[in-house]
Structures are given as structure tokens and as C-alpha cells.
């Protein structure tokens, strides 16, 4: 991803979404994932932290929360900030589990945890990063 592409596409979208903080945070999380995929760890971390700060200021974002928390955790890990990454993935895991606990039927709850890609990735990273660290 070139800086030019981000400037041409990303910046105008983020300006348009300035009045919609939840959607803006979701776009920032998606951008952080793209930056990570292209090896731009410092930019990904800054972008993920901005999305995460928005999430915290709003006390949650239903549509994008797992993606935002995952972007923050993965960018922190990629930057070598293991403590921050572990805290982020633990918080993400706890939040997903709390949401799952509110789902009545056990089969629907199980699908929420395993079939939603971000939720499944959060669980996998929590196992990998936290169980070995305890």
C-alpha cells in the first residue's frame, strides 16, 4: 500500500467520518490491519491506538469493537510491545466472552465464538499469548 493511495483514499474517508466516531474507528482499524500486512508497523500501531482510544472514549462500539481491539493487539505485538499486546488481547477476549454470555442458546453462543472471524482470532491469540506467559 503506497502512502499516495492512503492519502487519496483513506484521508478523505476519515474526514467524511469525523462526525461518526464509531465508523471512523472501524475504518482506522481496517487501515491498521492493511498497514500491518504491508510491514508498516509504526504506522499501524499509531492508527490502531487512535481507533482504540475512540473505542474507549465511547465505552464500546458494537459493530467494530472486536476488529478494533484485534488491530490494537496485533499492532502492539508486531511492534514488540508484548505487555501492551497481552493486555489488549486479554481485554478483547474478556469483552467477547461477556458478549457471548449474553447470548441465550448455547449453539448460537458457540457459533458467535468460533464462526465470527475476529472473535475466533481473538480467542486463538489469547491462548497463544497468554497461556505461555502466565
N, C-alpha and C. Protein backbone atom coordinates (compact mmCIF):
# COMPACT_ATOMS: atom_id res chain seq x y z
N UNK A 1 0.86 -1.16 0.00
CA UNK A 1 0.00 0.00 0.00
C UNK A 1 0.90 1.22 0.00
N UNK A 2 0.69 2.08 -0.96
CA UNK A 2 1.53 3.27 -1.04
C UNK A 2 0.95 4.38 -0.18
N UNK A 3 1.84 5.26 0.25
CA UNK A 3 1.37 6.41 1.02
C UNK A 3 0.42 7.26 0.20
N UNK A 4 0.66 7.31 -1.12
CA UNK A 4 -0.21 8.07 -2.01
C UNK A 4 -1.62 7.51 -2.01
N UNK A 5 -1.74 6.19 -2.07
CA UNK A 5 -3.05 5.56 -2.05
C UNK A 5 -3.78 5.86 -0.75
N UNK A 6 -3.07 5.75 0.37
CA UNK A 6 -3.68 6.06 1.66
C UNK A 6 -4.15 7.51 1.69
N UNK A 7 -3.34 8.42 1.19
CA UNK A 7 -3.71 9.84 1.18
C UNK A 7 -4.90 10.09 0.27
N UNK A 8 -4.93 9.42 -0.89
CA UNK A 8 -6.00 9.65 -1.84
C UNK A 8 -7.33 9.03 -1.40
N UNK A 9 -7.27 7.88 -0.77
CA UNK A 9 -8.49 7.17 -0.41
C UNK A 9 -8.81 7.29 1.07
N UNK A 10 -7.85 6.98 1.92
CA UNK A 10 -8.11 6.93 3.36
C UNK A 10 -8.42 8.26 4.00
N UNK A 11 -7.63 9.27 3.72
CA UNK A 11 -7.80 10.56 4.37
C UNK A 11 -9.18 11.18 4.09
N UNK A 12 -9.63 11.21 2.83
CA UNK A 12 -10.98 11.77 2.59
C UNK A 12 -12.09 10.98 3.29
N UNK A 13 -11.96 9.68 3.34
CA UNK A 13 -12.96 8.87 4.03
C UNK A 13 -12.98 9.21 5.51
N UNK A 14 -11.80 9.31 6.10
CA UNK A 14 -11.73 9.63 7.53
C UNK A 14 -12.29 11.02 7.81
N UNK A 15 -12.07 11.97 6.91
CA UNK A 15 -12.66 13.31 7.09
C UNK A 15 -14.18 13.23 7.05
N UNK A 16 -14.71 12.48 6.10
CA UNK A 16 -16.16 12.32 6.00
C UNK A 16 -16.75 11.69 7.25
N UNK A 17 -15.98 10.81 7.87
CA UNK A 17 -16.48 10.09 9.04
C UNK A 17 -16.18 10.79 10.36
N UNK A 18 -15.67 12.00 10.29
CA UNK A 18 -15.32 12.70 11.54
C UNK A 18 -16.55 12.91 12.43
N UNK A 19 -17.73 12.96 11.83
CA UNK A 19 -18.95 13.13 12.62
C UNK A 19 -19.56 11.79 13.03
N UNK A 20 -18.91 10.69 12.67
CA UNK A 20 -19.39 9.35 13.03
C UNK A 20 -18.24 8.56 13.66
N UNK A 21 -17.89 8.88 14.91
CA UNK A 21 -16.72 8.25 15.53
C UNK A 21 -16.69 6.72 15.49
N UNK A 22 -17.81 6.01 15.70
CA UNK A 22 -17.73 4.55 15.64
C UNK A 22 -17.29 4.03 14.26
N UNK A 23 -17.87 4.58 13.21
CA UNK A 23 -17.48 4.16 11.86
C UNK A 23 -16.04 4.56 11.57
N UNK A 24 -15.65 5.74 12.00
CA UNK A 24 -14.27 6.20 11.79
C UNK A 24 -13.28 5.25 12.48
N UNK A 25 -13.60 4.83 13.69
CA UNK A 25 -12.73 3.89 14.41
C UNK A 25 -12.64 2.57 13.67
N UNK A 26 -13.75 2.12 13.10
CA UNK A 26 -13.73 0.89 12.33
C UNK A 26 -12.85 1.00 11.10
N UNK A 27 -12.92 2.14 10.40
CA UNK A 27 -12.07 2.37 9.23
C UNK A 27 -10.60 2.42 9.66
N UNK A 28 -10.32 3.07 10.78
CA UNK A 28 -8.94 3.12 11.28
C UNK A 28 -8.42 1.72 11.60
N UNK A 29 -9.25 0.87 12.19
CA UNK A 29 -8.83 -0.50 12.49
C UNK A 29 -8.53 -1.27 11.22
N UNK A 30 -9.38 -1.10 10.21
CA UNK A 30 -9.13 -1.77 8.92
C UNK A 30 -7.84 -1.25 8.30
N UNK A 31 -7.61 0.03 8.40
CA UNK A 31 -6.37 0.61 7.88
C UNK A 31 -5.16 0.06 8.64
N UNK A 32 -5.28 -0.07 9.94
CA UNK A 32 -4.17 -0.61 10.74
C UNK A 32 -3.84 -2.04 10.30
N UNK A 33 -4.86 -2.85 10.04
CA UNK A 33 -4.63 -4.21 9.55
C UNK A 33 -3.92 -4.19 8.20
N UNK A 34 -4.34 -3.29 7.31
CA UNK A 34 -3.70 -3.18 5.99
C UNK A 34 -2.25 -2.73 6.13
N UNK A 35 -2.01 -1.77 7.00
CA UNK A 35 -0.64 -1.30 7.21
C UNK A 35 0.24 -2.42 7.76
N UNK A 36 -0.30 -3.20 8.68
CA UNK A 36 0.45 -4.35 9.21
C UNK A 36 0.79 -5.34 8.10
N UNK A 37 -0.17 -5.60 7.25
CA UNK A 37 0.03 -6.55 6.16
C UNK A 37 1.13 -6.09 5.21
N UNK A 38 1.37 -4.80 5.18
CA UNK A 38 2.42 -4.26 4.32
C UNK A 38 3.68 -3.90 5.09
N UNK A 39 3.79 -4.39 6.32
CA UNK A 39 5.01 -4.22 7.10
C UNK A 39 5.21 -2.83 7.67
N UNK A 40 4.21 -2.02 7.68
CA UNK A 40 4.33 -0.65 8.20
C UNK A 40 3.87 -0.63 9.66
N UNK A 41 4.70 -1.23 10.50
CA UNK A 41 4.32 -1.48 11.89
C UNK A 41 4.09 -0.20 12.67
N UNK A 42 4.98 0.78 12.55
CA UNK A 42 4.82 2.02 13.32
C UNK A 42 3.53 2.74 12.95
N UNK A 43 3.25 2.82 11.67
CA UNK A 43 2.01 3.48 11.22
C UNK A 43 0.80 2.68 11.67
N UNK A 44 0.89 1.36 11.60
CA UNK A 44 -0.22 0.51 12.04
C UNK A 44 -0.49 0.70 13.52
N UNK A 45 0.57 0.77 14.31
CA UNK A 45 0.40 0.93 15.76
C UNK A 45 -0.26 2.28 16.07
N UNK A 46 0.20 3.34 15.45
CA UNK A 46 -0.39 4.66 15.69
C UNK A 46 -1.87 4.68 15.29
N UNK A 47 -2.18 4.07 14.16
CA UNK A 47 -3.55 4.04 13.68
C UNK A 47 -4.43 3.18 14.58
N UNK A 48 -3.92 2.03 14.98
CA UNK A 48 -4.68 1.14 15.87
C UNK A 48 -4.91 1.79 17.23
N UNK A 49 -3.91 2.50 17.73
CA UNK A 49 -4.08 3.19 19.01
C UNK A 49 -5.13 4.28 18.92
N UNK A 50 -5.19 4.97 17.79
CA UNK A 50 -6.21 6.00 17.61
C UNK A 50 -7.60 5.37 17.60
N UNK A 51 -7.74 4.27 16.89
CA UNK A 51 -9.03 3.57 16.85
C UNK A 51 -9.41 3.08 18.25
N UNK A 52 -8.44 2.53 18.96
CA UNK A 52 -8.70 2.01 20.30
C UNK A 52 -9.08 3.13 21.27
N UNK A 53 -8.42 4.27 21.17
CA UNK A 53 -8.76 5.41 22.03
C UNK A 53 -10.20 5.85 21.78
N UNK A 54 -10.63 5.82 20.53
CA UNK A 54 -12.01 6.16 20.21
C UNK A 54 -12.96 5.15 20.84
N UNK A 55 -12.62 3.88 20.71
CA UNK A 55 -13.43 2.81 21.31
C UNK A 55 -13.61 3.05 22.80
N UNK A 56 -12.52 3.33 23.49
CA UNK A 56 -12.58 3.54 24.94
C UNK A 56 -13.38 4.80 25.29
N UNK A 57 -13.25 5.84 24.48
CA UNK A 57 -13.97 7.08 24.77
C UNK A 57 -15.48 6.91 24.60
N UNK A 58 -15.88 5.96 23.77
CA UNK A 58 -17.30 5.72 23.52
C UNK A 58 -17.85 4.59 24.38
N UNK A 59 -17.01 3.98 25.19
CA UNK A 59 -17.41 2.86 26.04
C UNK A 59 -17.96 1.69 25.22
N UNK A 60 -17.29 1.45 24.09
CA UNK A 60 -17.67 0.32 23.24
C UNK A 60 -18.24 0.77 21.92
N UNK A 61 -18.06 -0.09 20.91
CA UNK A 61 -18.61 0.15 19.58
C UNK A 61 -19.10 -1.20 19.09
N UNK A 62 -20.39 -1.38 19.06
CA UNK A 62 -20.96 -2.69 18.77
C UNK A 62 -20.46 -3.31 17.47
N UNK A 63 -20.52 -2.58 16.38
CA UNK A 63 -20.22 -3.15 15.08
C UNK A 63 -18.74 -3.45 14.86
N UNK A 64 -17.86 -2.66 15.42
CA UNK A 64 -16.45 -2.75 15.09
C UNK A 64 -15.54 -3.12 16.26
N UNK A 65 -16.10 -3.32 17.43
CA UNK A 65 -15.27 -3.49 18.62
C UNK A 65 -14.25 -4.61 18.52
N UNK A 66 -14.63 -5.83 18.12
CA UNK A 66 -13.61 -6.88 18.04
C UNK A 66 -12.48 -6.54 17.06
N UNK A 67 -12.85 -5.97 15.91
CA UNK A 67 -11.84 -5.61 14.91
C UNK A 67 -10.88 -4.55 15.46
N UNK A 68 -11.40 -3.58 16.17
CA UNK A 68 -10.57 -2.52 16.75
C UNK A 68 -9.64 -3.09 17.80
N UNK A 69 -10.18 -3.91 18.69
CA UNK A 69 -9.35 -4.49 19.75
C UNK A 69 -8.28 -5.42 19.16
N UNK A 70 -8.64 -6.16 18.13
CA UNK A 70 -7.69 -7.06 17.47
C UNK A 70 -6.59 -6.27 16.78
N UNK A 71 -6.93 -5.20 16.09
CA UNK A 71 -5.93 -4.36 15.43
C UNK A 71 -4.94 -3.80 16.45
N UNK A 72 -5.45 -3.35 17.59
CA UNK A 72 -4.58 -2.81 18.64
C UNK A 72 -3.64 -3.88 19.17
N UNK A 73 -4.17 -5.05 19.45
CA UNK A 73 -3.35 -6.14 19.98
C UNK A 73 -2.29 -6.57 18.98
N UNK A 74 -2.70 -6.79 17.73
CA UNK A 74 -1.75 -7.28 16.73
C UNK A 74 -0.69 -6.24 16.37
N UNK A 75 -1.07 -4.98 16.31
CA UNK A 75 -0.08 -3.94 16.02
C UNK A 75 0.91 -3.81 17.18
N UNK A 76 0.41 -3.91 18.40
CA UNK A 76 1.30 -3.85 19.57
C UNK A 76 2.28 -5.01 19.56
N UNK A 77 1.79 -6.20 19.25
CA UNK A 77 2.64 -7.38 19.19
C UNK A 77 3.71 -7.21 18.10
N UNK A 78 3.29 -6.76 16.94
CA UNK A 78 4.23 -6.58 15.82
C UNK A 78 5.30 -5.54 16.16
N UNK A 79 4.94 -4.57 16.99
CA UNK A 79 5.90 -3.53 17.39
C UNK A 79 6.81 -3.99 18.52
N UNK A 80 6.61 -5.22 19.00
CA UNK A 80 7.43 -5.74 20.08
C UNK A 80 6.97 -5.33 21.46
N UNK A 81 5.79 -4.76 21.54
CA UNK A 81 5.24 -4.31 22.83
C UNK A 81 4.40 -5.43 23.42
N UNK A 82 5.08 -6.45 23.90
CA UNK A 82 4.40 -7.67 24.34
C UNK A 82 3.43 -7.43 25.49
N UNK A 83 3.82 -6.61 26.45
CA UNK A 83 2.92 -6.33 27.57
C UNK A 83 1.64 -5.65 27.12
N UNK A 84 1.78 -4.65 26.29
CA UNK A 84 0.60 -3.94 25.76
C UNK A 84 -0.26 -4.88 24.92
N UNK A 85 0.39 -5.72 24.12
CA UNK A 85 -0.35 -6.66 23.28
C UNK A 85 -1.12 -7.67 24.13
N UNK A 86 -0.47 -8.17 25.18
CA UNK A 86 -1.14 -9.14 26.05
C UNK A 86 -2.33 -8.51 26.78
N UNK A 87 -2.15 -7.29 27.24
CA UNK A 87 -3.26 -6.59 27.90
C UNK A 87 -4.40 -6.37 26.92
N UNK A 88 -4.07 -5.99 25.71
CA UNK A 88 -5.09 -5.73 24.69
C UNK A 88 -5.84 -7.00 24.32
N UNK A 89 -5.12 -8.10 24.14
CA UNK A 89 -5.81 -9.34 23.73
C UNK A 89 -6.61 -9.91 24.89
N UNK A 90 -6.14 -9.74 26.12
CA UNK A 90 -6.91 -10.20 27.29
C UNK A 90 -8.21 -9.39 27.40
N UNK A 91 -8.13 -8.09 27.20
CA UNK A 91 -9.33 -7.25 27.25
C UNK A 91 -10.29 -7.63 26.12
N UNK A 92 -9.75 -7.89 24.95
CA UNK A 92 -10.58 -8.28 23.81
C UNK A 92 -11.27 -9.61 24.09
N UNK A 93 -10.51 -10.57 24.61
CA UNK A 93 -11.08 -11.88 24.95
C UNK A 93 -12.19 -11.74 25.99
N UNK A 94 -11.93 -10.96 27.03
CA UNK A 94 -12.92 -10.78 28.08
C UNK A 94 -14.19 -10.13 27.55
N UNK A 95 -14.03 -9.18 26.65
CA UNK A 95 -15.19 -8.49 26.08
C UNK A 95 -16.01 -9.44 25.21
N UNK A 96 -15.33 -10.21 24.37
CA UNK A 96 -16.04 -11.17 23.51
C UNK A 96 -16.76 -12.21 24.38
N UNK A 97 -16.09 -12.68 25.43
CA UNK A 97 -16.73 -13.67 26.30
C UNK A 97 -17.94 -13.07 27.02
N UNK A 98 -17.86 -11.82 27.41
CA UNK A 98 -19.00 -11.16 28.06
C UNK A 98 -20.17 -11.03 27.08
N UNK A 99 -19.87 -10.68 25.84
CA UNK A 99 -20.92 -10.59 24.84
C UNK A 99 -21.53 -11.97 24.59
N UNK A 100 -20.69 -12.99 24.54
CA UNK A 100 -21.18 -14.35 24.30
C UNK A 100 -22.07 -14.81 25.45
N UNK A 101 -21.73 -14.43 26.65
CA UNK A 101 -22.51 -14.85 27.82
C UNK A 101 -23.94 -14.33 27.76
N UNK A 102 -24.15 -13.25 27.03
CA UNK A 102 -25.49 -12.67 26.92
C UNK A 102 -26.33 -13.35 25.85
N UNK A 103 -25.73 -14.28 25.12
CA UNK A 103 -26.44 -15.00 24.06
C UNK A 103 -27.06 -16.25 24.66
N UNK A 104 -28.37 -16.36 24.56
CA UNK A 104 -29.10 -17.45 25.21
C UNK A 104 -28.78 -18.85 24.71
N UNK A 105 -29.16 -19.19 23.49
CA UNK A 105 -28.97 -20.56 23.02
C UNK A 105 -27.48 -20.93 22.92
N UNK A 106 -27.13 -22.06 23.50
CA UNK A 106 -25.72 -22.49 23.54
C UNK A 106 -25.12 -22.64 22.14
N UNK A 107 -25.91 -23.14 21.18
CA UNK A 107 -25.36 -23.34 19.84
C UNK A 107 -25.08 -22.00 19.16
N UNK A 108 -25.90 -21.00 19.40
CA UNK A 108 -25.68 -19.68 18.83
C UNK A 108 -24.46 -19.03 19.50
N UNK A 109 -24.36 -19.20 20.80
CA UNK A 109 -23.21 -18.67 21.54
C UNK A 109 -21.92 -19.29 21.02
N UNK A 110 -21.90 -20.60 20.79
CA UNK A 110 -20.72 -21.29 20.28
C UNK A 110 -20.35 -20.77 18.90
N UNK A 111 -21.36 -20.56 18.05
CA UNK A 111 -21.07 -20.04 16.70
C UNK A 111 -20.53 -18.62 16.77
N UNK A 112 -21.03 -17.82 17.70
CA UNK A 112 -20.53 -16.45 17.89
C UNK A 112 -19.04 -16.48 18.22
N UNK A 113 -18.63 -17.44 19.02
CA UNK A 113 -17.23 -17.52 19.44
C UNK A 113 -16.32 -18.14 18.38
N UNK A 114 -16.85 -19.04 17.57
CA UNK A 114 -15.99 -19.77 16.63
C UNK A 114 -16.17 -19.39 15.16
N UNK A 115 -17.35 -18.92 14.80
CA UNK A 115 -17.62 -18.64 13.38
C UNK A 115 -17.45 -17.18 12.99
N UNK A 116 -17.40 -16.30 13.96
CA UNK A 116 -17.12 -14.89 13.67
C UNK A 116 -15.59 -14.76 13.64
N UNK A 117 -15.03 -14.45 12.46
CA UNK A 117 -13.57 -14.50 12.31
C UNK A 117 -12.77 -13.70 13.35
N UNK A 118 -13.18 -12.47 13.63
CA UNK A 118 -12.43 -11.68 14.62
C UNK A 118 -12.50 -12.32 16.00
N UNK A 119 -13.66 -12.84 16.37
CA UNK A 119 -13.80 -13.48 17.68
C UNK A 119 -12.93 -14.72 17.77
N UNK A 120 -12.91 -15.53 16.73
CA UNK A 120 -12.08 -16.74 16.72
C UNK A 120 -10.60 -16.37 16.79
N UNK A 121 -10.20 -15.33 16.06
CA UNK A 121 -8.78 -14.91 16.08
C UNK A 121 -8.40 -14.38 17.47
N UNK A 122 -9.29 -13.63 18.09
CA UNK A 122 -9.03 -13.13 19.44
C UNK A 122 -8.80 -14.31 20.38
N UNK A 123 -9.65 -15.32 20.31
CA UNK A 123 -9.50 -16.49 21.19
C UNK A 123 -8.18 -17.21 20.92
N UNK A 124 -7.84 -17.37 19.67
CA UNK A 124 -6.58 -18.06 19.33
C UNK A 124 -5.36 -17.30 19.82
N UNK A 125 -5.37 -15.99 19.62
CA UNK A 125 -4.22 -15.19 20.09
C UNK A 125 -4.17 -15.15 21.61
N UNK A 126 -5.30 -15.09 22.26
CA UNK A 126 -5.31 -15.11 23.73
C UNK A 126 -4.69 -16.40 24.23
N UNK A 127 -5.06 -17.51 23.61
CA UNK A 127 -4.45 -18.79 24.02
C UNK A 127 -2.93 -18.77 23.79
N UNK A 128 -2.52 -18.31 22.64
CA UNK A 128 -1.10 -18.32 22.29
C UNK A 128 -0.28 -17.34 23.13
N UNK A 129 -0.80 -16.16 23.34
CA UNK A 129 -0.01 -15.13 24.00
C UNK A 129 -0.13 -15.14 25.51
N UNK A 130 -1.24 -15.63 26.05
CA UNK A 130 -1.47 -15.54 27.48
C UNK A 130 -1.16 -16.83 28.23
N UNK A 131 -1.46 -17.96 27.64
CA UNK A 131 -1.24 -19.23 28.36
C UNK A 131 0.23 -19.51 28.58
N UNK A 132 1.07 -19.14 27.62
CA UNK A 132 2.51 -19.36 27.79
C UNK A 132 3.14 -18.32 28.72
N UNK A 133 2.43 -17.26 28.97
CA UNK A 133 3.00 -16.15 29.73
C UNK A 133 2.63 -16.17 31.21
N UNK A 134 1.67 -16.98 31.57
CA UNK A 134 1.16 -16.99 32.95
C UNK A 134 2.19 -17.38 33.95
